[in-house]
Protein backbone atom coordinates (compact mmCIF):
# COMPACT_ATOMS: atom_id res chain seq x y z
CA MET A 1 44.68 166.12 102.39
CA ALA A 2 46.19 162.83 103.50
CA SER A 3 43.12 160.99 102.24
CA ASP A 4 43.69 162.54 98.79
CA THR A 5 47.18 161.04 98.57
CA LYS A 6 45.83 157.61 99.57
CA LYS A 7 43.16 157.85 96.86
CA ASN A 8 45.81 158.81 94.31
CA LYS A 9 47.97 155.83 95.31
CA GLN A 10 44.99 153.50 94.98
CA LYS A 11 44.24 154.87 91.52
CA THR A 12 47.82 154.46 90.33
CA GLY A 13 48.00 150.92 91.74
CA LYS A 14 51.48 151.33 93.27
CA GLY A 15 50.48 149.72 96.57
CA PRO A 16 51.70 150.62 100.03
CA ASP A 17 54.58 153.02 100.47
CA PRO A 18 57.91 151.88 102.02
CA GLN A 19 57.07 153.28 105.45
CA GLU A 20 53.89 151.21 105.61
CA ILE A 21 55.78 148.11 104.48
CA ILE A 22 58.46 148.60 107.12
CA ALA A 23 55.83 149.26 109.81
CA GLY A 24 54.04 146.04 108.87
CA PHE A 25 57.32 144.14 108.97
CA HIS A 26 58.21 145.56 112.38
CA THR A 27 54.75 144.61 113.66
CA LEU A 28 55.28 141.02 112.54
CA ARG A 29 58.71 140.94 114.17
CA ALA A 30 57.29 142.33 117.42
CA GLU A 31 54.64 139.61 117.43
CA GLN A 32 57.38 137.04 116.87
CA ARG A 33 59.43 138.43 119.77
CA THR A 34 56.37 138.30 122.02
CA LEU A 35 55.81 134.66 121.14
CA ILE A 36 59.45 133.88 121.83
CA SER A 37 59.38 135.55 125.24
CA LYS A 38 56.16 133.75 126.21
CA LEU A 39 57.61 130.46 125.02
CA SER A 40 60.76 130.90 127.07
CA GLU A 41 58.66 131.81 130.12
CA PHE A 42 56.61 128.60 129.79
CA GLU A 43 59.75 126.53 129.20
CA GLN A 44 61.18 127.95 132.42
CA ASP A 45 57.97 127.00 134.25
CA LEU A 46 58.24 123.49 132.81
CA ASN A 47 61.82 123.16 134.02
CA GLU A 48 60.75 124.28 137.50
CA HIS A 49 57.95 121.70 137.49
CA LYS A 50 60.41 118.96 136.47
CA MET A 51 62.81 119.92 139.23
CA VAL A 52 60.10 119.95 141.92
CA ILE A 53 58.63 116.66 140.69
CA GLU A 54 62.03 114.95 140.79
CA THR A 55 62.60 116.28 144.31
CA LEU A 56 59.18 115.21 145.61
CA LYS A 57 59.44 111.69 144.15
CA ASN A 58 62.18 110.91 146.67
CA VAL A 59 60.24 112.22 149.68
CA ASN A 60 57.80 110.46 152.01
CA GLU A 61 54.21 110.94 150.72
CA ASP A 62 52.92 112.09 154.12
CA ARG A 63 55.48 114.83 154.49
CA LYS A 64 54.29 118.43 154.51
CA CYS A 65 55.14 120.67 151.61
CA TYR A 66 54.19 124.20 150.65
CA ARG A 67 52.76 125.27 147.35
CA LEU A 68 52.23 128.76 146.01
CA VAL A 69 48.72 129.00 144.58
CA GLY A 70 47.67 132.36 143.16
CA GLY A 71 50.08 134.26 145.39
CA VAL A 72 49.02 132.37 148.54
CA LEU A 73 51.35 129.86 150.18
CA THR A 74 49.37 126.74 151.11
CA GLU A 75 50.38 123.77 153.24
CA ARG A 76 49.70 120.36 151.65
CA ARG A 77 50.96 116.82 151.70
CA VAL A 78 53.30 115.49 149.02
CA LYS A 79 50.72 112.88 148.01
CA ASP A 80 48.24 115.70 147.26
CA VAL A 81 50.64 117.98 145.41
CA LEU A 82 52.53 115.51 143.21
CA PRO A 83 49.56 114.46 140.99
CA VAL A 84 48.65 118.10 140.42
CA LEU A 85 52.22 118.93 139.42
CA LEU A 86 52.31 115.99 136.99
CA THR A 87 49.05 117.15 135.39
CA ASN A 88 50.36 120.72 135.11
CA GLN A 89 53.57 119.41 133.52
CA GLU A 90 51.60 117.55 130.83
CA LYS A 91 49.52 120.65 130.11
CA LEU A 92 52.66 122.79 129.86
CA LEU A 93 54.21 120.33 127.40
CA LYS A 94 51.12 120.47 125.16
CA PHE A 95 50.97 124.25 125.38
CA ILE A 96 54.67 124.60 124.51
CA GLU A 97 54.15 122.38 121.44
CA LYS A 98 51.29 124.64 120.29
CA MET A 99 53.39 127.75 120.84
CA ASP A 100 56.25 126.19 118.84
CA GLU A 101 53.80 125.67 115.97
CA GLN A 102 52.60 129.27 116.24
CA LEU A 103 56.18 130.50 116.24
CA ALA A 104 56.97 128.47 113.12
CA LYS A 105 53.86 129.89 111.39
CA LYS A 106 54.87 133.43 112.37
CA GLY A 107 58.37 132.87 110.97
CA GLN A 108 56.88 131.59 107.73
CA GLU A 109 54.54 134.61 107.61
CA ILE A 110 57.51 136.94 108.07
CA ASN A 111 59.45 135.21 105.29
CA GLU A 112 56.46 135.44 102.95
CA TYR A 113 56.10 139.14 103.78
CA ARG A 114 59.80 139.68 103.04
CA GLU A 115 59.47 137.92 99.68
CA LYS A 116 56.21 139.70 98.80
CA PHE A 117 57.67 143.17 99.32
CA ASN A 118 61.27 142.23 98.47
CA ILE A 119 62.64 143.38 101.83
CA LYS A 120 66.42 143.32 102.18
CA PHE A 121 68.59 143.67 105.28
CA ARG A 122 71.71 145.79 105.27
CA GLY A 123 74.78 143.68 105.88
CA LEU A 124 73.02 140.34 105.46
CA ASP A 125 71.67 140.71 101.96
CA ASN A 126 74.45 142.96 100.63
CA ALA A 127 76.90 140.06 100.49
CA LYS A 128 74.37 138.02 98.53
CA GLN A 129 73.75 140.91 96.13
CA GLU A 130 77.44 141.25 95.30
CA ASP A 131 77.46 137.70 93.97
CA LYS A 132 74.40 138.26 91.78
CA GLU A 133 73.70 140.97 89.27
CA VAL A 134 70.63 142.98 90.20
CA PRO A 135 68.29 143.79 87.31
CA GLU A 136 67.24 147.39 86.90
CA SER A 137 63.56 146.51 87.35
CA SER A 138 64.09 145.81 91.08
CA ARG A 139 63.50 149.40 92.18
CA GLY A 140 60.70 148.34 94.56
CA ASN A 141 63.14 146.98 97.16
CA VAL A 142 62.89 148.07 100.77
CA LEU A 143 65.99 148.10 103.00
CA VAL A 144 65.68 147.45 106.74
CA SER A 145 68.57 148.20 109.04
């Protein structure tokens, strides 16, 4: 029975229903939130690397230090650990740049989706609507709270 309604919608050419549009929008927003949380996690790791590097620069190279590698605490020398930390810091910087680009693309994708389906937010877009007259042909709007 549900497949019959989908076939009827495809024949009439109305497109997706509001629930599907909202679900797609929420999926995009969830992906954006995931990217943001991962980005903040990597930025925190980068800050930790910077702090450790600055601390180890002022220490004798032959001094013992401990490094957590895969959940195992290993004993090393500062001269062995510092180059690895510097390499990791460079890799983290490059990775954070890539994630920033992905986040910008996701934001652009969300904005395009909003424009495509004319999605409005309660409270944010209502003030804008009061300033402009809304034509009667805009019945396809979707409100998201």
